Amino acid sequence: MKATFITSGRQFTVKQGDILIVNQYPGKNEGDVLTFDQVLLVGEGVNAKIGTPTVAGAKVTATILENKRGEKIRIFKHRRRKGYYRRRGHRQELS
């Protein structure tokens, strides 16, 4: 059975046993269980239940396997011929 839910402003479609990479939840550690109540769609094919906007009583539960940091993203901007440049980096916290 598939389900589509919203978390952190993004939609995910999952089925049982899937592994997702999402933004880290503050205060949550490895082994904690998360419950997502904003389920938009449950089931597949003819048996699918579509919410208006969410399906009443539907929940998706997930366990945090690990907290880690994503790949480094480098931001570089410059002004041509002026010798001005700025370099920054960012690593997103993921679960």
PDB file of N, CA and C in Angstrom:
ATOM      1  N   MET A   1       0.837  -1.168   0.000  1.00  0.00           N
ATOM      2  CA  MET A   1       0.000   0.000   0.000  1.00  0.00           C
ATOM      3  C   MET A   1       0.891   1.243   0.000  1.00  0.00           C
ATOM      4  N   LYS A   2       0.552   2.208  -0.813  1.00  0.00           N
ATOM      5  CA  LYS A   2       1.317   3.447  -0.913  1.00  0.00           C
ATOM      6  C   LYS A   2       0.593   4.561  -0.167  1.00  0.00           C
ATOM      7  N   ALA A   3       1.368   5.546   0.248  1.00  0.00           N
ATOM      8  CA  ALA A   3       0.804   6.726   0.902  1.00  0.00           C
ATOM      9  C   ALA A   3       1.623   7.943   0.491  1.00  0.00           C
ATOM     10  N   THR A   4       0.943   9.065   0.332  1.00  0.00           N
ATOM     11  CA  THR A   4       1.605  10.330   0.043  1.00  0.00           C
ATOM     12  C   THR A   4       1.344  11.261   1.216  1.00  0.00           C
ATOM     13  N   PHE A   5       2.419  11.834   1.765  1.00  0.00           N
ATOM     14  CA  PHE A   5       2.271  12.710   2.923  1.00  0.00           C
ATOM     15  C   PHE A   5       3.155  13.938   2.767  1.00  0.00           C
ATOM     16  N   ILE A   6       2.894  14.946   3.617  1.00  0.00           N
ATOM     17  CA  ILE A   6       3.648  16.200   3.595  1.00  0.00           C
ATOM     18  C   ILE A   6       4.478  16.299   4.867  1.00  0.00           C
ATOM     19  N   THR A   7       5.747  16.678   4.712  1.00  0.00           N
ATOM     20  CA  THR A   7       6.591  17.020   5.842  1.00  0.00           C
ATOM     21  C   THR A   7       7.592  18.074   5.399  1.00  0.00           C
ATOM     22  N   SER A   8       7.781  19.077   6.208  1.00  0.00           N
ATOM     23  CA  SER A   8       8.715  20.178   5.931  1.00  0.00           C
ATOM     24  C   SER A   8       8.436  20.844   4.586  1.00  0.00           C
ATOM     25  N   GLY A   9       7.167  20.929   4.203  1.00  0.00           N
ATOM     26  CA  GLY A   9       6.803  21.588   2.961  1.00  0.00           C
ATOM     27  C   GLY A   9       7.052  20.772   1.709  1.00  0.00           C
ATOM     28  N   ARG A  10       7.405  19.496   1.852  1.00  0.00           N
ATOM     29  CA  ARG A  10       7.665  18.626   0.701  1.00  0.00           C
ATOM     30  C   ARG A  10       6.757  17.407   0.769  1.00  0.00           C
ATOM     31  N   GLN A  11       6.383  16.883  -0.392  1.00  0.00           N
ATOM     32  CA  GLN A  11       5.540  15.696  -0.456  1.00  0.00           C
ATOM     33  C   GLN A  11       6.387  14.476  -0.775  1.00  0.00           C
ATOM     34  N   PHE A  12       6.070  13.362  -0.115  1.00  0.00           N
ATOM     35  CA  PHE A  12       6.760  12.101  -0.336  1.00  0.00           C
ATOM     36  C   PHE A  12       5.727  11.011  -0.559  1.00  0.00           C
ATOM     37  N   THR A  13       5.986  10.132  -1.519  1.00  0.00           N
ATOM     38  CA  THR A  13       5.168   8.947  -1.731  1.00  0.00           C
ATOM     39  C   THR A  13       5.990   7.750  -1.292  1.00  0.00           C
ATOM     40  N   VAL A  14       5.442   6.973  -0.355  1.00  0.00           N
ATOM     41  CA  VAL A  14       6.189   5.870   0.239  1.00  0.00           C
ATOM     42  C   VAL A  14       5.327   4.619   0.295  1.00  0.00           C
ATOM     43  N   LYS A  15       6.003   3.492   0.466  1.00  0.00           N
ATOM     44  CA  LYS A  15       5.326   2.240   0.792  1.00  0.00           C
ATOM     45  C   LYS A  15       6.089   1.626   1.957  1.00  0.00           C
ATOM     46  N   GLN A  16       5.574   0.587   2.526  1.00  0.00           N
ATOM     47  CA  GLN A  16       6.187   0.002   3.714  1.00  0.00           C
ATOM     48  C   GLN A  16       7.599  -0.484   3.410  1.00  0.00           C
ATOM     49  N   GLY A  17       8.546  -0.119   4.278  1.00  0.00           N
ATOM     50  CA  GLY A  17       9.927  -0.541   4.120  1.00  0.00           C
ATOM     51  C   GLY A  17      10.813   0.430   3.363  1.00  0.00           C
ATOM     52  N   ASP A  18      10.258   1.521   2.829  1.00  0.00           N
ATOM     53  CA  ASP A  18      11.067   2.507   2.100  1.00  0.00           C
ATOM     54  C   ASP A  18      11.975   3.280   3.053  1.00  0.00           C
ATOM     55  N   ILE A  19      13.117   3.729   2.527  1.00  0.00           N
ATOM     56  CA  ILE A  19      14.047   4.566   3.280  1.00  0.00           C
ATOM     57  C   ILE A  19      14.060   5.943   2.632  1.00  0.00           C
ATOM     58  N   LEU A  20      13.778   6.979   3.429  1.00  0.00           N
ATOM     59  CA  LEU A  20      13.728   8.355   2.944  1.00  0.00           C
ATOM     60  C   LEU A  20      14.851   9.173   3.555  1.00  0.00           C
ATOM     61  N   ILE A  21      15.269  10.194   2.838  1.00  0.00           N
ATOM     62  CA  ILE A  21      16.201  11.178   3.381  1.00  0.00           C
ATOM     63  C   ILE A  21      15.443  12.499   3.439  1.00  0.00           C
ATOM     64  N   VAL A  22      15.218  12.992   4.660  1.00  0.00           N
ATOM     65  CA  VAL A  22      14.466  14.227   4.864  1.00  0.00           C
ATOM     66  C   VAL A  22      15.290  15.176   5.724  1.00  0.00           C
ATOM     67  N   ASN A  23      14.851  16.430   5.825  1.00  0.00           N
ATOM     68  CA  ASN A  23      15.529  17.393   6.690  1.00  0.00           C
ATOM     69  C   ASN A  23      15.444  16.929   8.135  1.00  0.00           C
ATOM     70  N   GLN A  24      16.488  17.204   8.892  1.00  0.00           N
ATOM     71  CA  GLN A  24      16.566  16.740  10.271  1.00  0.00           C
ATOM     72  C   GLN A  24      15.541  17.454  11.148  1.00  0.00           C
ATOM     73  N   TYR A  25      14.953  16.705  12.083  1.00  0.00           N
ATOM     74  CA  TYR A  25      14.008  17.259  13.033  1.00  0.00           C
ATOM     75  C   TYR A  25      14.746  17.623  14.314  1.00  0.00           C
ATOM     76  N   PRO A  26      14.651  18.876  14.774  1.00  0.00           N
ATOM     77  CA  PRO A  26      15.370  19.280  15.988  1.00  0.00           C
ATOM     78  C   PRO A  26      14.908  18.467  17.195  1.00  0.00           C
ATOM     79  N   GLY A  27      15.852  18.019  17.984  1.00  0.00           N
ATOM     80  CA  GLY A  27      15.531  17.281  19.198  1.00  0.00           C
ATOM     81  C   GLY A  27      15.246  15.807  18.994  1.00  0.00           C
ATOM     82  N   LYS A  28      15.313  15.314  17.780  1.00  0.00           N
ATOM     83  CA  LYS A  28      15.061  13.899  17.503  1.00  0.00           C
ATOM     84  C   LYS A  28      16.381  13.193  17.251  1.00  0.00           C
ATOM     85  N   ASN A  29      16.528  12.010  17.816  1.00  0.00           N
ATOM     86  CA  ASN A  29      17.761  11.242  17.703  1.00  0.00           C
ATOM     87  C   ASN A  29      17.503   9.920  17.003  1.00  0.00           C
ATOM     88  N   GLU A  30      18.571   9.166  16.770  1.00  0.00           N
ATOM     89  CA  GLU A  30      18.452   7.863  16.127  1.00  0.00           C
ATOM     90  C   GLU A  30      17.575   6.953  16.974  1.00  0.00           C
ATOM     91  N   GLY A  31      16.671   6.231  16.311  1.00  0.00           N
ATOM     92  CA  GLY A  31      15.779   5.315  17.002  1.00  0.00           C
ATOM     93  C   GLY A  31      14.441   5.916  17.378  1.00  0.00           C
ATOM     94  N   ASP A  32      14.299   7.241  17.328  1.00  0.00           N
ATOM     95  CA  ASP A  32      13.023   7.881  17.643  1.00  0.00           C
ATOM     96  C   ASP A  32      12.018   7.607  16.527  1.00  0.00           C
ATOM     97  N   VAL A  33      10.746   7.554  16.904  1.00  0.00           N
ATOM     98  CA  VAL A  33       9.674   7.288  15.947  1.00  0.00           C
ATOM     99  C   VAL A  33       8.967   8.599  15.626  1.00  0.00           C
ATOM    100  N   LEU A  34       8.789   8.871  14.342  1.00  0.00           N
ATOM    101  CA  LEU A  34       8.071  10.057  13.874  1.00  0.00           C
ATOM    102  C   LEU A  34       6.711   9.633  13.348  1.00  0.00           C
ATOM    103  N   THR A  35       5.691  10.463  13.581  1.00  0.00           N
ATOM    104  CA  THR A  35       4.356  10.201  13.057  1.00  0.00           C
ATOM    105  C   THR A  35       3.942  11.384  12.198  1.00  0.00           C
ATOM    106  N   PHE A  36       3.548  11.104  10.968  1.00  0.00           N
ATOM    107  CA  PHE A  36       3.115  12.136  10.033  1.00  0.00           C
ATOM    108  C   PHE A  36       1.603  12.026   9.866  1.00  0.00           C
ATOM    109  N   ASP A  37       0.880  13.108  10.223  1.00  0.00           N
ATOM    110  CA  ASP A  37      -0.582  13.097  10.171  1.00  0.00           C
ATOM    111  C   ASP A  37      -1.138  13.681   8.879  1.00  0.00           C
ATOM    112  N   GLN A  38      -0.350  14.464   8.165  1.00  0.00           N
ATOM    113  CA  GLN A  38      -0.837  15.103   6.943  1.00  0.00           C
ATOM    114  C   GLN A  38      -0.682  14.150   5.762  1.00  0.00           C
ATOM    115  N   VAL A  39      -1.575  13.170   5.671  1.00  0.00           N
ATOM    116  CA  VAL A  39      -1.540  12.169   4.607  1.00  0.00           C
ATOM    117  C   VAL A  39      -2.521  12.599   3.523  1.00  0.00           C
ATOM    118  N   LEU A  40      -2.030  12.747   2.307  1.00  0.00           N
ATOM    119  CA  LEU A  40      -2.853  13.230   1.198  1.00  0.00           C
ATOM    120  C   LEU A  40      -3.534  12.104   0.439  1.00  0.00           C
ATOM    121  N   LEU A  41      -2.889  10.939   0.363  1.00  0.00           N
ATOM    122  CA  LEU A  41      -3.404   9.833  -0.442  1.00  0.00           C
ATOM    123  C   LEU A  41      -2.984   8.521   0.204  1.00  0.00           C
ATOM    124  N   VAL A  42      -3.913   7.567   0.238  1.00  0.00           N
ATOM    125  CA  VAL A  42      -3.614   6.237   0.773  1.00  0.00           C
ATOM    126  C   VAL A  42      -4.119   5.210  -0.223  1.00  0.00           C
ATOM    127  N   GLY A  43      -3.315   4.188  -0.493  1.00  0.00           N
ATOM    128  CA  GLY A  43      -3.706   3.126  -1.413  1.00  0.00           C
ATOM    129  C   GLY A  43      -3.227   3.409  -2.819  1.00  0.00           C
ATOM    130  N   GLU A  44      -3.574   2.491  -3.717  1.00  0.00           N
ATOM    131  CA  GLU A  44      -3.199   2.668  -5.114  1.00  0.00           C
ATOM    132  C   GLU A  44      -4.276   2.094  -6.021  1.00  0.00           C
ATOM    133  N   GLY A  45      -4.353   2.629  -7.212  1.00  0.00           N
ATOM    134  CA  GLY A  45      -5.319   2.148  -8.191  1.00  0.00           C
ATOM    135  C   GLY A  45      -6.749   2.518  -7.820  1.00  0.00           C
ATOM    136  N   VAL A  46      -7.661   1.557  -7.976  1.00  0.00           N
ATOM    137  CA  VAL A  46      -9.083   1.781  -7.718  1.00  0.00           C
ATOM    138  C   VAL A  46      -9.351   1.977  -6.226  1.00  0.00           C
ATOM    139  N   ASN A  47      -8.527   1.382  -5.377  1.00  0.00           N
ATOM    140  CA  ASN A  47      -8.743   1.432  -3.932  1.00  0.00           C
ATOM    141  C   ASN A  47      -8.135   2.664  -3.261  1.00  0.00           C
ATOM    142  N   ALA A  48      -7.645   3.623  -4.016  1.00  0.00           N
ATOM    143  CA  ALA A  48      -6.984   4.798  -3.442  1.00  0.00           C
ATOM    144  C   ALA A  48      -8.001   5.722  -2.780  1.00  0.00           C
ATOM    145  N   LYS A  49      -7.626   6.239  -1.609  1.00  0.00           N
ATOM    146  CA  LYS A  49      -8.440   7.235  -0.916  1.00  0.00           C
ATOM    147  C   LYS A  49      -7.707   8.565  -1.012  1.00  0.00           C
ATOM    148  N   ILE A  50      -8.372   9.547  -1.596  1.00  0.00           N
ATOM    149  CA  ILE A  50      -7.782  10.866  -1.775  1.00  0.00           C
ATOM    150  C   ILE A  50      -8.402  11.800  -0.751  1.00  0.00           C
ATOM    151  N   GLY A  51      -7.567  12.503  -0.017  1.00  0.00           N
ATOM    152  CA  GLY A  51      -8.044  13.399   1.026  1.00  0.00           C
ATOM    153  C   GLY A  51      -8.493  14.738   0.485  1.00  0.00           C
ATOM    154  N   THR A  52      -9.287  15.446   1.302  1.00  0.00           N
ATOM    155  CA  THR A  52      -9.750  16.784   0.941  1.00  0.00           C
ATOM    156  C   THR A  52      -9.475  17.743   2.083  1.00  0.00           C
ATOM    157  N   PRO A  53      -8.348  18.238   2.380  1.00  0.00           N
ATOM    158  CA  PRO A  53      -7.069  17.997   1.730  1.00  0.00           C
ATOM    159  C   PRO A  53      -6.320  16.782   2.274  1.00  0.00           C
ATOM    160  N   THR A  54      -6.673  16.284   3.481  1.00  0.00           N
ATOM    161  CA  THR A  54      -5.981  15.114   4.022  1.00  0.00           C
ATOM    162  C   THR A  54      -6.972  14.001   4.285  1.00  0.00           C
ATOM    163  N   VAL A  55      -6.465  12.780   4.377  1.00  0.00           N
ATOM    164  CA  VAL A  55      -7.295  11.613   4.665  1.00  0.00           C
ATOM    165  C   VAL A  55      -7.491  11.549   6.181  1.00  0.00           C
ATOM    166  N   ALA A  56      -8.743  11.518   6.611  1.00  0.00           N
ATOM    167  CA  ALA A  56      -9.045  11.507   8.046  1.00  0.00           C
ATOM    168  C   ALA A  56      -8.585  10.198   8.676  1.00  0.00           C
ATOM    169  N   GLY A  57      -7.859  10.305   9.786  1.00  0.00           N
ATOM    170  CA  GLY A  57      -7.432   9.124  10.537  1.00  0.00           C
ATOM    171  C   GLY A  57      -6.218   8.406   9.987  1.00  0.00           C
ATOM    172  N   ALA A  58      -5.678   8.851   8.883  1.00  0.00           N
ATOM    173  CA  ALA A  58      -4.517   8.177   8.288  1.00  0.00           C
ATOM    174  C   ALA A  58      -3.232   8.734   8.888  1.00  0.00           C
ATOM    175  N   LYS A  59      -2.268   7.841   9.133  1.00  0.00           N
ATOM    176  CA  LYS A  59      -0.971   8.232   9.679  1.00  0.00           C
ATOM    177  C   LYS A  59       0.119   7.441   8.988  1.00  0.00           C
ATOM    178  N   VAL A  60       1.288   8.048   8.899  1.00  0.00           N
ATOM    179  CA  VAL A  60       2.486   7.359   8.423  1.00  0.00           C
ATOM    180  C   VAL A  60       3.499   7.446   9.554  1.00  0.00           C
ATOM    181  N   THR A  61       4.062   6.303   9.946  1.00  0.00           N
ATOM    182  CA  THR A  61       5.074   6.304  10.999  1.00  0.00           C
ATOM    183  C   THR A  61       6.420   5.935  10.404  1.00  0.00           C
ATOM    184  N   ALA A  62       7.468   6.520  10.970  1.00  0.00           N
ATOM    185  CA  ALA A  62       8.826   6.272  10.487  1.00  0.00           C
ATOM    186  C   ALA A  62       9.779   6.265  11.674  1.00  0.00           C
ATOM    187  N   THR A  63      10.860   5.520  11.540  1.00  0.00           N
ATOM    188  CA  THR A  63      11.902   5.470  12.554  1.00  0.00           C
ATOM    189  C   THR A  63      13.156   6.122  11.992  1.00  0.00           C
ATOM    190  N   ILE A  64      13.804   6.966  12.784  1.00  0.00           N
ATOM    191  CA  ILE A  64      15.035   7.622  12.348  1.00  0.00           C
ATOM    192  C   ILE A  64      16.176   6.622  12.445  1.00  0.00           C
ATOM    193  N   LEU A  65      16.793   6.325  11.313  1.00  0.00           N
ATOM    194  CA  LEU A  65      17.905   5.381  11.281  1.00  0.00           C
ATOM    195  C   LEU A  65      19.214   6.059  11.651  1.00  0.00           C
ATOM    196  N   GLU A  66      19.438   7.275  11.132  1.00  0.00           N
ATOM    197  CA  GLU A  66      20.649   8.019  11.477  1.00  0.00           C
ATOM    198  C   GLU A  66      20.458   9.490  11.165  1.00  0.00           C
ATOM    199  N   ASN A  67      21.190  10.319  11.882  1.00  0.00           N
ATOM    200  CA  ASN A  67      21.272  11.748  11.591  1.00  0.00           C
ATOM    201  C   ASN A  67      22.643  12.008  10.994  1.00  0.00           C
ATOM    202  N   LYS A  68      22.669  12.709   9.863  1.00  0.00           N
ATOM    203  CA  LYS A  68      23.948  12.977   9.209  1.00  0.00           C
ATOM    204  C   LYS A  68      23.865  14.309   8.487  1.00  0.00           C
ATOM    205  N   ARG A  69      24.958  14.694   7.874  1.00  0.00           N
ATOM    206  CA  ARG A  69      25.006  15.917   7.094  1.00  0.00           C
ATOM    207  C   ARG A  69      25.116  15.564   5.620  1.00  0.00           C
ATOM    208  N   GLY A  70      24.451  16.355   4.783  1.00  0.00           N
ATOM    209  CA  GLY A  70      24.480  16.129   3.349  1.00  0.00           C
ATOM    210  C   GLY A  70      25.789  16.590   2.735  1.00  0.00           C
ATOM    211  N   GLU A  71      25.870  16.453   1.419  1.00  0.00           N
ATOM    212  CA  GLU A  71      27.068  16.890   0.705  1.00  0.00           C
ATOM    213  C   GLU A  71      27.210  18.405   0.782  1.00  0.00           C
ATOM    214  N   LYS A  72      28.442  18.865   0.713  1.00  0.00           N
ATOM    215  CA  LYS A  72      28.709  20.300   0.788  1.00  0.00           C
ATOM    216  C   LYS A  72      28.306  20.973  -0.520  1.00  0.00           C
ATOM    217  N   ILE A  73      27.566  22.046  -0.388  1.00  0.00           N
ATOM    218  CA  ILE A  73      27.187  22.868  -1.535  1.00  0.00           C
ATOM    219  C   ILE A  73      28.024  24.131  -1.461  1.00  0.00           C
ATOM    220  N   ARG A  74      28.704  24.469  -2.534  1.00  0.00           N
ATOM    221  CA  ARG A  74      29.562  25.649  -2.558  1.00  0.00           C
ATOM    222  C   ARG A  74      28.853  26.769  -3.315  1.00  0.00           C
ATOM    223  N   ILE A  75      28.826  27.932  -2.687  1.00  0.00           N
ATOM    224  CA  ILE A  75      28.218  29.110  -3.279  1.00  0.00           C
ATOM    225  C   ILE A  75      29.338  30.093  -3.589  1.00  0.00           C
ATOM    226  N   PHE A  76      29.421  30.547  -4.828  1.00  0.00           N
ATOM    227  CA  PHE A  76      30.489  31.454  -5.247  1.00  0.00           C
ATOM    228  C   PHE A  76      29.866  32.585  -6.044  1.00  0.00           C
ATOM    229  N   LYS A  77      30.142  33.810  -5.639  1.00  0.00           N
ATOM    230  CA  LYS A  77      29.698  34.943  -6.441  1.00  0.00           C
ATOM    231  C   LYS A  77      30.842  35.931  -6.571  1.00  0.00           C
ATOM    232  N   HIS A  78      30.848  36.676  -7.663  1.00  0.00           N
ATOM    233  CA  HIS A  78      31.936  37.612  -7.906  1.00  0.00           C
ATOM    234  C   HIS A  78      31.457  38.759  -8.778  1.00  0.00           C
ATOM    235  N   ARG A  79      32.258  39.822  -8.780  1.00  0.00           N
ATOM    236  CA  ARG A  79      32.040  40.959  -9.674  1.00  0.00           C
ATOM    237  C   ARG A  79      33.165  40.945 -10.699  1.00  0.00           C
ATOM    238  N   ARG A  80      32.808  40.950 -11.937  1.00  0.00           N
ATOM    239  CA  ARG A  80      33.841  40.862 -12.963  1.00  0.00           C
ATOM    240  C   ARG A  80      34.738  42.094 -12.962  1.00  0.00           C
ATOM    241  N   ARG A  81      35.995  41.846 -13.161  1.00  0.00           N
ATOM    242  CA  ARG A  81      37.035  42.873 -13.289  1.00  0.00           C
ATOM    243  C   ARG A  81      37.228  43.730 -12.034  1.00  0.00           C
ATOM    244  N   LYS A  82      36.626  43.421 -10.936  1.00  0.00           N
ATOM    245  CA  LYS A  82      36.736  44.249  -9.731  1.00  0.00           C
ATOM    246  C   LYS A  82      37.538  43.571  -8.619  1.00  0.00           C
ATOM    247  N   GLY A  83      37.868  42.317  -8.785  1.00  0.00           N
ATOM    248  CA  GLY A  83      38.622  41.611  -7.762  1.00  0.00           C
ATOM    249  C   GLY A  83      37.786  41.208  -6.555  1.00  0.00           C
ATOM    250  N   TYR A  84      36.464  41.346  -6.657  1.00  0.00           N
ATOM    251  CA  TYR A  84      35.584  40.990  -5.547  1.00  0.00           C
ATOM    252  C   TYR A  84      35.044  39.587  -5.769  1.00  0.00           C
ATOM    253  N   TYR A  85      35.153  38.765  -4.763  1.00  0.00           N
ATOM    254  CA  TYR A  85      34.506  37.463  -4.811  1.00  0.00           C
ATOM    255  C   TYR A  85      34.147  37.036  -3.398  1.00  0.00           C
ATOM    256  N   ARG A  86      33.199  36.137  -3.325  1.00  0.00           N
ATOM    257  CA  ARG A  86      32.745  35.636  -2.038  1.00  0.00           C
ATOM    258  C   ARG A  86      32.478  34.151  -2.168  1.00  0.00           C
ATOM    259  N   ARG A  87      33.047  33.372  -1.259  1.00  0.00           N
ATOM    260  CA  ARG A  87      32.846  31.926  -1.263  1.00  0.00           C
ATOM    261  C   ARG A  87      32.157  31.528   0.035  1.00  0.00           C
ATOM    262  N   ARG A  88      31.167  30.683  -0.082  1.00  0.00           N
ATOM    263  CA  ARG A  88      30.481  30.150   1.092  1.00  0.00           C
ATOM    264  C   ARG A  88      30.189  28.687   0.847  1.00  0.00           C
ATOM    265  N   GLY A  89      29.959  27.969   1.915  1.00  0.00           N
ATOM    266  CA  GLY A  89      29.591  26.568   1.812  1.00  0.00           C
ATOM    267  C   GLY A  89      28.446  26.267   2.761  1.00  0.00           C
ATOM    268  N   HIS A  90      27.721  25.206   2.469  1.00  0.00           N
ATOM    269  CA  HIS A  90      26.587  24.818   3.309  1.00  0.00           C
ATOM    270  C   HIS A  90      26.430  23.306   3.267  1.00  0.00           C
ATOM    271  N   ARG A  91      26.174  22.716   4.427  1.00  0.00           N
ATOM    272  CA  ARG A  91      25.855  21.292   4.517  1.00  0.00           C
ATOM    273  C   ARG A  91      24.544  21.161   5.274  1.00  0.00           C
ATOM    274  N   GLN A  92      23.552  20.557   4.644  1.00  0.00           N
ATOM    275  CA  GLN A  92      22.226  20.405   5.232  1.00  0.00           C
ATOM    276  C   GLN A  92      22.221  19.262   6.238  1.00  0.00           C
ATOM    277  N   GLU A  93      21.541  19.462   7.361  1.00  0.00           N
ATOM    278  CA  GLU A  93      21.371  18.406   8.360  1.00  0.00           C
ATOM    279  C   GLU A  93      20.238  17.493   7.898  1.00  0.00           C
ATOM    280  N   LEU A  94      20.503  16.194   7.789  1.00  0.00           N
ATOM    281  CA  LEU A  94      19.540  15.233   7.256  1.00  0.00           C
ATOM    282  C   LEU A  94      19.283  14.107   8.247  1.00  0.00           C
ATOM    283  N   SER A  95      18.112  13.482   8.105  1.00  0.00           N
ATOM    284  CA  SER A  95      17.780  12.284   8.874  1.00  0.00           C
ATOM    285  C   SER A  95      17.404  11.187   7.906  1.00  0.00           C
TER     286      SER A  95
END
